[in-house]
Amino acid sequence: MTPKTPPPVIKLKDLHKSYGFGDAVTTALDGMNLTINKGEFVAIMGPSGCGKTTLLNILGLLDQPTSGEYDLSGEPVESISQSRRAQIRREQIGFVFQSFNLLPRQTVIENVALPLIYSGKTHTKRLQSASKALRLFHLQNREYYMPHQLSGGQMQRVAIARALVNEPSIILADEPTGNLDSRSSEIIMQELSEIHQRGNTIIMVTHNSRLTSYADRIIYMLDGRIDTDSKVEPKKPDLTAKIPLSAKRRKVSAVKKKTEVKKKTTNKKAAKTKKAVKK
């Protein structure tokens, strides 16, 4: 028997989204048709106001279309109750935002554990899961820091850890490196690339064309529609660049110590030889 082909993770048909009334109506999405399969890394680009963020909000069940069809893993979203939508957002979708959205009065580990509050896990289990997610990003030594004690890159890595703590199948990222420098942006993109390699579906909105090199599909939007949609060969993550700084320091220190020991041993042998010659 031929195995049944799973439905697309996301399928949109003639999707529209408008805001306002009468003469003040603004069209954000104008007949969007889109299919995204499991495991794709899709980068969405386009000028400001073309509907990128609106599309992401609808995909993440944070907003509803004015008309059209949206099937999520083969299930029509229109028929899903509000409580079920909330459950899907908690369990199947991870959100990464440009502004990090960390709670300033909560520690790093408490921020990461937030999505687990309604999971039925005990407080201890939630913290254990959050700690495990933080270890993936080499942030285990920052668990009890406050957000203001972190760099921008570290805060975004915490935000990604929070998005992954529920082990969602879909990651929605809205300008995830918009507030970061080029080095931190590269690290974040390597993190997202590794997540993609593990089988997650990633949909990322960005203005930075350099970041699209990590995607395997690039969509360019214009006036609420898809202008171009192309498959590309994604850039592989540079795992050597992901060694934590502390580990690099330990490695350098170990080499330096080994060199010093070798030098002392050589000096002792030379002193003994010189003493024997004098005798």
C-alpha atoms as a PDB file:
ATOM      1  CA  MET A   1       0.000   0.000   0.000  1.00  0.00           C
ATOM      2  CA  THR A   2       1.356   3.432  -0.958  1.00  0.00           C
ATOM      3  CA  PRO A   3       1.921   5.607   2.136  1.00  0.00           C
ATOM      4  CA  LYS A   4      -0.424   8.564   2.380  1.00  0.00           C
ATOM      5  CA  THR A   5       1.227  11.888   1.573  1.00  0.00           C
ATOM      6  CA  PRO A   6       0.882  14.275   4.535  1.00  0.00           C
ATOM      7  CA  PRO A   7      -0.921  17.549   3.834  1.00  0.00           C
ATOM      8  CA  PRO A   8       1.066  20.794   3.588  1.00  0.00           C
ATOM      9  CA  VAL A   9       1.811  22.454   6.907  1.00  0.00           C
ATOM     10  CA  ILE A  10       0.312  25.684   5.538  1.00  0.00           C
ATOM     11  CA  LYS A  11      -1.989  26.210   2.588  1.00  0.00           C
ATOM     12  CA  LEU A  12      -3.564  29.557   1.703  1.00  0.00           C
ATOM     13  CA  LYS A  13      -6.090  30.053  -1.069  1.00  0.00           C
ATOM     14  CA  ASP A  14      -7.215  33.500  -2.257  1.00  0.00           C
ATOM     15  CA  LEU A  15      -6.543  35.015   1.164  1.00  0.00           C
ATOM     16  CA  HIS A  16      -7.513  38.659   1.739  1.00  0.00           C
ATOM     17  CA  LYS A  17      -7.000  40.943   4.705  1.00  0.00           C
ATOM     18  CA  SER A  18      -8.319  44.509   4.889  1.00  0.00           C
ATOM     19  CA  TYR A  19      -8.395  47.118   7.656  1.00  0.00           C
ATOM     20  CA  GLY A  20     -10.737  50.063   8.073  1.00  0.00           C
ATOM     21  CA  PHE A  21     -14.141  50.916   6.586  1.00  0.00           C
ATOM     22  CA  GLY A  22     -15.535  52.713   3.545  1.00  0.00           C
ATOM     23  CA  ASP A  23     -13.073  55.071   1.871  1.00  0.00           C
ATOM     24  CA  ALA A  24     -10.495  54.349   4.585  1.00  0.00           C
ATOM     25  CA  VAL A  25     -10.063  50.662   3.727  1.00  0.00           C
ATOM     26  CA  THR A  26      -6.443  49.475   3.521  1.00  0.00           C
ATOM     27  CA  THR A  27      -5.701  46.167   1.814  1.00  0.00           C
ATOM     28  CA  ALA A  28      -2.848  44.281   3.484  1.00  0.00           C
ATOM     29  CA  LEU A  29      -3.250  40.953   1.661  1.00  0.00           C
ATOM     30  CA  ASP A  30      -4.812  40.796  -1.777  1.00  0.00           C
ATOM     31  CA  GLY A  31      -5.583  37.257  -2.935  1.00  0.00           C
ATOM     32  CA  MET A  32      -2.650  35.415  -1.349  1.00  0.00           C
ATOM     33  CA  ASN A  33      -2.036  31.828  -2.533  1.00  0.00           C
ATOM     34  CA  LEU A  34       0.703  29.948  -0.718  1.00  0.00           C
ATOM     35  CA  THR A  35       1.682  26.350   0.125  1.00  0.00           C
ATOM     36  CA  ILE A  36       4.441  25.515   2.627  1.00  0.00           C
ATOM     37  CA  ASN A  37       5.459  21.918   3.287  1.00  0.00           C
ATOM     38  CA  LYS A  38       6.912  20.412   6.437  1.00  0.00           C
ATOM     39  CA  GLY A  39      10.616  21.141   6.993  1.00  0.00           C
ATOM     40  CA  GLU A  40      10.917  24.158   4.688  1.00  0.00           C
ATOM     41  CA  PHE A  41      12.853  27.294   5.681  1.00  0.00           C
ATOM     42  CA  VAL A  42      11.010  30.150   3.983  1.00  0.00           C
ATOM     43  CA  ALA A  43      12.325  33.715   3.960  1.00  0.00           C
ATOM     44  CA  ILE A  44       9.740  36.387   3.147  1.00  0.00           C
ATOM     45  CA  MET A  45      10.954  39.739   1.828  1.00  0.00           C
ATOM     46  CA  GLY A  46       9.391  42.881   0.406  1.00  0.00           C
ATOM     47  CA  PRO A  47       9.065  46.640   0.989  1.00  0.00           C
ATOM     48  CA  SER A  48       7.455  48.052   4.131  1.00  0.00           C
ATOM     49  CA  GLY A  49       3.676  47.871   3.976  1.00  0.00           C
ATOM     50  CA  CYS A  50       3.535  44.954   1.531  1.00  0.00           C
ATOM     51  CA  GLY A  51       1.790  42.661   4.058  1.00  0.00           C
ATOM     52  CA  LYS A  52       4.665  40.565   5.446  1.00  0.00           C
ATOM     53  CA  THR A  53       3.888  40.970   9.136  1.00  0.00           C
ATOM     54  CA  THR A  54       0.126  40.715   8.525  1.00  0.00           C
ATOM     55  CA  LEU A  55       0.734  37.393   6.780  1.00  0.00           C
ATOM     56  CA  LEU A  56       2.870  36.152   9.677  1.00  0.00           C
ATOM     57  CA  ASN A  57       0.217  37.140  12.230  1.00  0.00           C
ATOM     58  CA  ILE A  58      -2.457  35.236  10.299  1.00  0.00           C
ATOM     59  CA  LEU A  59      -0.220  32.165   9.962  1.00  0.00           C
ATOM     60  CA  GLY A  60       0.392  32.287  13.720  1.00  0.00           C
ATOM     61  CA  LEU A  61      -3.352  32.541  14.470  1.00  0.00           C
ATOM     62  CA  LEU A  62      -2.851  35.984  16.016  1.00  0.00           C
ATOM     63  CA  ASP A  63      -5.118  37.572  13.392  1.00  0.00           C
ATOM     64  CA  GLN A  64      -7.869  36.410  11.049  1.00  0.00           C
ATOM     65  CA  PRO A  65      -8.240  36.976   7.296  1.00  0.00           C
ATOM     66  CA  THR A  66     -11.119  38.995   5.896  1.00  0.00           C
ATOM     67  CA  SER A  67     -11.829  36.242   3.361  1.00  0.00           C
ATOM     68  CA  GLY A  68     -10.186  33.222   1.760  1.00  0.00           C
ATOM     69  CA  GLU A  69      -9.059  29.821   3.018  1.00  0.00           C
ATOM     70  CA  TYR A  70      -6.288  28.875   5.448  1.00  0.00           C
ATOM     71  CA  ASP A  71      -5.585  25.180   6.120  1.00  0.00           C
ATOM     72  CA  LEU A  72      -3.118  24.354   8.910  1.00  0.00           C
ATOM     73  CA  SER A  73      -1.791  20.791   8.586  1.00  0.00           C
ATOM     74  CA  GLY A  74      -4.883  19.954   6.529  1.00  0.00           C
ATOM     75  CA  GLU A  75      -7.362  21.462   9.004  1.00  0.00           C
ATOM     76  CA  PRO A  76      -9.419  24.530   7.963  1.00  0.00           C
ATOM     77  CA  VAL A  77      -8.570  27.268  10.453  1.00  0.00           C
ATOM     78  CA  GLU A  78     -12.013  28.823  10.017  1.00  0.00           C
ATOM     79  CA  SER A  79     -13.586  25.801  11.737  1.00  0.00           C
ATOM     80  CA  ILE A  80     -11.195  25.840  14.720  1.00  0.00           C
ATOM     81  CA  SER A  81     -12.557  27.227  18.005  1.00  0.00           C
ATOM     82  CA  GLN A  82     -10.775  30.020  19.883  1.00  0.00           C
ATOM     83  CA  SER A  83      -9.701  27.684  22.692  1.00  0.00           C
ATOM     84  CA  ARG A  84      -8.289  25.209  20.182  1.00  0.00           C
ATOM     85  CA  ARG A  85      -6.423  28.034  18.407  1.00  0.00           C
ATOM     86  CA  ALA A  86      -4.850  29.036  21.701  1.00  0.00           C
ATOM     87  CA  GLN A  87      -3.779  25.428  22.240  1.00  0.00           C
ATOM     88  CA  ILE A  88      -2.215  25.281  18.763  1.00  0.00           C
ATOM     89  CA  ARG A  89      -0.293  28.503  19.435  1.00  0.00           C
ATOM     90  CA  ARG A  90       1.036  27.018  22.677  1.00  0.00           C
ATOM     91  CA  GLU A  91       1.967  23.579  21.361  1.00  0.00           C
ATOM     92  CA  GLN A  92       2.666  23.798  17.628  1.00  0.00           C
ATOM     93  CA  ILE A  93       3.890  27.326  16.907  1.00  0.00           C
ATOM     94  CA  GLY A  94       6.925  29.150  18.290  1.00  0.00           C
ATOM     95  CA  PHE A  95       7.190  32.930  17.897  1.00  0.00           C
ATOM     96  CA  VAL A  96      10.419  34.944  17.637  1.00  0.00           C
ATOM     97  CA  PHE A  97      10.062  38.730  17.528  1.00  0.00           C
ATOM     98  CA  GLN A  98      12.474  41.549  16.704  1.00  0.00           C
ATOM     99  CA  SER A  99      11.959  43.219  20.093  1.00  0.00           C
ATOM    100  CA  PHE A 100      12.673  40.010  22.117  1.00  0.00           C
ATOM    101  CA  ASN A 101       9.563  40.573  24.331  1.00  0.00           C
ATOM    102  CA  LEU A 102      11.269  39.317  27.505  1.00  0.00           C
ATOM    103  CA  LEU A 103       9.628  40.178  30.830  1.00  0.00           C
ATOM    104  CA  PRO A 104      12.095  42.550  32.559  1.00  0.00           C
ATOM    105  CA  ARG A 105      11.310  41.421  36.119  1.00  0.00           C
ATOM    106  CA  GLN A 106      11.633  37.715  35.381  1.00  0.00           C
ATOM    107  CA  THR A 107      14.940  35.842  35.239  1.00  0.00           C
ATOM    108  CA  VAL A 108      16.147  34.298  31.993  1.00  0.00           C
ATOM    109  CA  ILE A 109      15.025  30.793  32.962  1.00  0.00           C
ATOM    110  CA  GLU A 110      11.608  32.070  34.094  1.00  0.00           C
ATOM    111  CA  ASN A 111      11.146  33.868  30.754  1.00  0.00           C
ATOM    112  CA  VAL A 112      11.913  30.681  28.835  1.00  0.00           C
ATOM    113  CA  ALA A 113       9.550  28.648  31.029  1.00  0.00           C
ATOM    114  CA  LEU A 114       6.581  31.009  30.439  1.00  0.00           C
ATOM    115  CA  PRO A 115       5.028  29.069  27.494  1.00  0.00           C
ATOM    116  CA  LEU A 116       4.843  25.976  29.716  1.00  0.00           C
ATOM    117  CA  ILE A 117       2.510  27.520  32.316  1.00  0.00           C
ATOM    118  CA  TYR A 118      -0.576  25.930  30.735  1.00  0.00           C
ATOM    119  CA  SER A 119       1.150  22.671  29.824  1.00  0.00           C
ATOM    120  CA  GLY A 120       0.191  20.878  33.031  1.00  0.00           C
ATOM    121  CA  LYS A 121       3.830  20.538  34.125  1.00  0.00           C
ATOM    122  CA  THR A 122       4.898  21.317  37.685  1.00  0.00           C
ATOM    123  CA  HIS A 123       7.002  24.408  38.371  1.00  0.00           C
ATOM    124  CA  THR A 124      10.123  22.254  38.769  1.00  0.00           C
ATOM    125  CA  LYS A 125       9.485  20.423  35.485  1.00  0.00           C
ATOM    126  CA  ARG A 126       8.960  23.738  33.683  1.00  0.00           C
ATOM    127  CA  LEU A 127      12.292  25.064  34.930  1.00  0.00           C
ATOM    128  CA  GLN A 128      14.028  21.815  33.940  1.00  0.00           C
ATOM    129  CA  SER A 129      12.635  22.088  30.397  1.00  0.00           C
ATOM    130  CA  ALA A 130      13.669  25.756  30.220  1.00  0.00           C
ATOM    131  CA  SER A 131      17.169  24.896  31.422  1.00  0.00           C
ATOM    132  CA  LYS A 132      17.451  22.221  28.730  1.00  0.00           C
ATOM    133  CA  ALA A 133      16.407  24.729  26.034  1.00  0.00           C
ATOM    134  CA  LEU A 134      18.949  27.278  27.296  1.00  0.00           C
ATOM    135  CA  ARG A 135      21.762  24.709  27.135  1.00  0.00           C
ATOM    136  CA  LEU A 136      21.144  24.390  23.389  1.00  0.00           C
ATOM    137  CA  PHE A 137      22.248  28.016  23.064  1.00  0.00           C
ATOM    138  CA  HIS A 138      25.135  27.892  25.577  1.00  0.00           C
ATOM    139  CA  LEU A 139      23.228  30.069  28.047  1.00  0.00           C
ATOM    140  CA  GLN A 140      23.160  27.719  31.031  1.00  0.00           C
ATOM    141  CA  ASN A 141      25.430  30.093  32.965  1.00  0.00           C
ATOM    142  CA  ARG A 142      22.939  32.954  32.430  1.00  0.00           C
ATOM    143  CA  GLU A 143      19.830  31.191  33.742  1.00  0.00           C
ATOM    144  CA  TYR A 144      19.376  33.465  36.748  1.00  0.00           C
ATOM    145  CA  TYR A 145      20.455  36.707  35.100  1.00  0.00           C
ATOM    146  CA  MET A 146      17.882  39.416  34.494  1.00  0.00           C
ATOM    147  CA  PRO A 147      17.235  40.443  30.841  1.00  0.00           C
ATOM    148  CA  HIS A 148      18.958  43.830  31.300  1.00  0.00           C
ATOM    149  CA  GLN A 149      22.181  41.996  32.188  1.00  0.00           C
ATOM    150  CA  LEU A 150      22.359  40.370  28.737  1.00  0.00           C
ATOM    151  CA  SER A 151      23.611  41.612  25.379  1.00  0.00           C
ATOM    152  CA  GLY A 152      21.186  42.000  22.477  1.00  0.00           C
ATOM    153  CA  GLY A 153      22.390  38.747  20.906  1.00  0.00           C
ATOM    154  CA  GLN A 154      21.973  36.869  24.184  1.00  0.00           C
ATOM    155  CA  MET A 155      18.433  38.243  24.645  1.00  0.00           C
ATOM    156  CA  GLN A 156      17.469  37.049  21.170  1.00  0.00           C
ATOM    157  CA  ARG A 157      18.919  33.607  21.887  1.00  0.00           C
ATOM    158  CA  VAL A 158      16.811  33.519  25.070  1.00  0.00           C
ATOM    159  CA  ALA A 159      13.774  34.473  22.953  1.00  0.00           C
ATOM    160  CA  ILE A 160      14.495  31.595  20.555  1.00  0.00           C
ATOM    161  CA  ALA A 161      14.946  29.190  23.479  1.00  0.00           C
ATOM    162  CA  ARG A 162      11.542  30.328  24.757  1.00  0.00           C
ATOM    163  CA  ALA A 163      10.041  29.705  21.302  1.00  0.00           C
ATOM    164  CA  LEU A 164      11.458  26.162  21.307  1.00  0.00           C
ATOM    165  CA  VAL A 165      10.713  25.113  24.887  1.00  0.00           C
ATOM    166  CA  ASN A 166       7.361  23.577  23.846  1.00  0.00           C
ATOM    167  CA  GLU A 167       9.075  21.753  20.973  1.00  0.00           C
ATOM    168  CA  PRO A 168       6.806  23.324  18.302  1.00  0.00           C
ATOM    169  CA  SER A 169       6.871  22.129  14.702  1.00  0.00           C
ATOM    170  CA  ILE A 170       6.559  25.640  13.212  1.00  0.00           C
ATOM    171  CA  ILE A 171       8.769  28.654  14.003  1.00  0.00           C
ATOM    172  CA  LEU A 172       7.556  32.118  12.944  1.00  0.00           C
ATOM    173  CA  ALA A 173      10.298  34.755  13.085  1.00  0.00           C
ATOM    174  CA  ASP A 174       9.551  38.444  12.461  1.00  0.00           C
ATOM    175  CA  GLU A 175      12.801  40.336  11.774  1.00  0.00           C
ATOM    176  CA  PRO A 176      14.690  38.172  14.333  1.00  0.00           C
ATOM    177  CA  THR A 177      17.983  40.051  13.810  1.00  0.00           C
ATOM    178  CA  GLY A 178      16.578  43.539  13.283  1.00  0.00           C
ATOM    179  CA  ASN A 179      18.056  44.911  16.543  1.00  0.00           C
ATOM    180  CA  LEU A 180      21.393  43.103  16.352  1.00  0.00           C
ATOM    181  CA  ASP A 181      24.861  43.802  14.946  1.00  0.00           C
ATOM    182  CA  SER A 182      26.232  41.714  12.070  1.00  0.00           C
ATOM    183  CA  ARG A 183      28.141  39.244  14.290  1.00  0.00           C
ATOM    184  CA  SER A 184      25.165  38.592  16.581  1.00  0.00           C
ATOM    185  CA  SER A 185      22.903  38.302  13.524  1.00  0.00           C
ATOM    186  CA  GLU A 186      25.160  35.611  12.094  1.00  0.00           C
ATOM    187  CA  ILE A 187      25.010  33.615  15.335  1.00  0.00           C
ATOM    188  CA  ILE A 188      21.205  33.858  15.485  1.00  0.00           C
ATOM    189  CA  MET A 189      20.900  32.707  11.869  1.00  0.00           C
ATOM    190  CA  GLN A 190      23.170  29.749  12.582  1.00  0.00           C
ATOM    191  CA  GLU A 191      20.881  28.845  15.491  1.00  0.00           C
ATOM    192  CA  LEU A 192      17.813  29.008  13.234  1.00  0.00           C
ATOM    193  CA  SER A 193      19.619  26.985  10.561  1.00  0.00           C
ATOM    194  CA  GLU A 194      20.368  24.227  13.078  1.00  0.00           C
ATOM    195  CA  ILE A 195      16.719  24.214  14.152  1.00  0.00           C
ATOM    196  CA  HIS A 196      15.776  23.812  10.487  1.00  0.00           C
ATOM    197  CA  GLN A 197      18.237  20.924  10.135  1.00  0.00           C
ATOM    198  CA  ARG A 198      16.359  19.152  12.946  1.00  0.00           C
ATOM    199  CA  GLY A 199      13.176  19.180  10.846  1.00  0.00           C
ATOM    200  CA  ASN A 200      11.327  22.289  11.995  1.00  0.00           C
ATOM    201  CA  THR A 201       9.402  24.429   9.528  1.00  0.00           C
ATOM    202  CA  ILE A 202      10.660  28.031   9.708  1.00  0.00           C
ATOM    203  CA  ILE A 203       8.985  31.089   8.205  1.00  0.00           C
ATOM    204  CA  MET A 204      11.059  34.234   8.596  1.00  0.00           C
ATOM    205  CA  VAL A 205      10.224  37.820   7.630  1.00  0.00           C
ATOM    206  CA  THR A 206      13.296  39.964   6.953  1.00  0.00           C
ATOM    207  CA  HIS A 207      14.493  43.085   5.174  1.00  0.00           C
ATOM    208  CA  ASN A 208      18.091  41.826   5.115  1.00  0.00           C
ATOM    209  CA  SER A 209      18.846  40.011   1.850  1.00  0.00           C
ATOM    210  CA  ARG A 210      22.046  38.519   3.344  1.00  0.00           C
ATOM    211  CA  LEU A 211      19.986  36.442   5.780  1.00  0.00           C
ATOM    212  CA  THR A 212      18.064  34.714   3.008  1.00  0.00           C
ATOM    213  CA  SER A 213      21.160  32.601   2.282  1.00  0.00           C
ATOM    214  CA  TYR A 214      20.107  30.350   5.168  1.00  0.00           C
ATOM    215  CA  ALA A 215      16.653  29.676   3.675  1.00  0.00           C
ATOM    216  CA  ASP A 216      15.785  27.052   1.067  1.00  0.00           C
ATOM    217  CA  ARG A 217      12.968  29.170  -0.352  1.00  0.00           C
ATOM    218  CA  ILE A 218      12.669  32.921  -0.855  1.00  0.00           C
ATOM    219  CA  ILE A 219       9.340  34.686  -1.331  1.00  0.00           C
ATOM    220  CA  TYR A 220       9.207  38.330  -2.395  1.00  0.00           C
ATOM    221  CA  MET A 221       5.943  40.148  -1.652  1.00  0.00           C
ATOM    222  CA  LEU A 222       4.587  43.245  -3.333  1.00  0.00           C
ATOM    223  CA  ASP A 223       1.264  45.020  -2.688  1.00  0.00           C
ATOM    224  CA  GLY A 224      -0.180  42.180  -0.627  1.00  0.00           C
ATOM    225  CA  ARG A 225       0.665  39.452  -3.134  1.00  0.00           C
ATOM    226  CA  ILE A 226       3.516  37.091  -3.917  1.00  0.00           C
ATOM    227  CA  ASP A 227       5.649  38.653  -6.626  1.00  0.00           C
ATOM    228  CA  THR A 228       8.333  35.932  -6.848  1.00  0.00           C
ATOM    229  CA  ASP A 229       8.762  32.518  -5.184  1.00  0.00           C
ATOM    230  CA  SER A 230      12.039  30.642  -5.714  1.00  0.00           C
ATOM    231  CA  LYS A 231      13.847  27.607  -4.331  1.00  0.00           C
ATOM    232  CA  VAL A 232      17.510  28.065  -3.356  1.00  0.00           C
ATOM    233  CA  GLU A 233      20.359  26.061  -1.846  1.00  0.00           C
ATOM    234  CA  PRO A 234      20.584  27.042   1.840  1.00  0.00           C
ATOM    235  CA  LYS A 235      23.802  27.970   3.596  1.00  0.00           C
ATOM    236  CA  LYS A 236      24.980  25.330   6.068  1.00  0.00           C
ATOM    237  CA  PRO A 237      25.539  26.438   9.683  1.00  0.00           C
ATOM    238  CA  ASP A 238      29.183  27.032  10.657  1.00  0.00           C
ATOM    239  CA  LEU A 239      29.397  24.858  13.743  1.00  0.00           C
ATOM    240  CA  THR A 240      32.959  25.959  14.542  1.00  0.00           C
ATOM    241  CA  ALA A 241      31.738  29.511  15.046  1.00  0.00           C
ATOM    242  CA  LYS A 242      29.285  28.361  17.715  1.00  0.00           C
ATOM    243  CA  ILE A 243      31.905  27.393  20.329  1.00  0.00           C
ATOM    244  CA  PRO A 244      31.089  29.457  23.436  1.00  0.00           C
ATOM    245  CA  LEU A 245      33.603  32.187  24.232  1.00  0.00           C
ATOM    246  CA  SER A 246      34.265  30.644  27.636  1.00  0.00           C
ATOM    247  CA  ALA A 247      35.194  27.331  25.970  1.00  0.00           C
ATOM    248  CA  LYS A 248      37.605  29.109  23.623  1.00  0.00           C
ATOM    249  CA  ARG A 249      39.252  30.788  26.591  1.00  0.00           C
ATOM    250  CA  ARG A 250      39.612  27.450  28.391  1.00  0.00           C
ATOM    251  CA  LYS A 251      41.202  25.951  25.282  1.00  0.00           C
ATOM    252  CA  VAL A 252      43.700  28.815  24.913  1.00  0.00           C
ATOM    253  CA  SER A 253      44.478  28.645  28.638  1.00  0.00           C
ATOM    254  CA  ALA A 254      45.107  24.872  28.455  1.00  0.00           C
ATOM    255  CA  VAL A 255      47.493  25.268  25.507  1.00  0.00           C
ATOM    256  CA  LYS A 256      49.341  28.085  27.264  1.00  0.00           C
ATOM    257  CA  LYS A 257      49.662  26.020  30.458  1.00  0.00           C
ATOM    258  CA  LYS A 258      50.951  22.996  28.524  1.00  0.00           C
ATOM    259  CA  THR A 259      53.553  25.181  26.804  1.00  0.00           C
ATOM    260  CA  GLU A 260      54.729  26.629  30.138  1.00  0.00           C
ATOM    261  CA  VAL A 261      55.086  23.147  31.684  1.00  0.00           C
ATOM    262  CA  LYS A 262      57.082  21.951  28.678  1.00  0.00           C
ATOM    263  CA  LYS A 263      59.322  25.013  28.893  1.00  0.00           C
ATOM    264  CA  LYS A 264      60.003  24.451  32.622  1.00  0.00           C
ATOM    265  CA  THR A 265      60.843  20.777  31.997  1.00  0.00           C
ATOM    266  CA  THR A 266      63.295  21.745  29.215  1.00  0.00           C
ATOM    267  CA  ASN A 267      64.952  24.354  31.456  1.00  0.00           C
ATOM    268  CA  LYS A 268      65.390  21.828  34.277  1.00  0.00           C
ATOM    269  CA  LYS A 269      67.008  19.296  31.934  1.00  0.00           C
ATOM    270  CA  ALA A 270      69.346  21.972  30.573  1.00  0.00           C
ATOM    271  CA  ALA A 271      70.355  22.983  34.126  1.00  0.00           C
ATOM    272  CA  LYS A 272      71.113  19.370  35.074  1.00  0.00           C
ATOM    273  CA  THR A 273      73.199  18.874  31.915  1.00  0.00           C
ATOM    274  CA  LYS A 274      75.162  22.087  32.599  1.00  0.00           C
ATOM    275  CA  LYS A 275      75.818  21.017  36.202  1.00  0.00           C
ATOM    276  CA  ALA A 276      77.059  17.593  35.093  1.00  0.00           C
ATOM    277  CA  VAL A 277      79.465  19.165  32.577  1.00  0.00           C
ATOM    278  CA  LYS A 278      80.955  21.423  35.264  1.00  0.00           C
ATOM    279  CA  LYS A 279      81.601  18.414  37.482  1.00  0.00           C
END
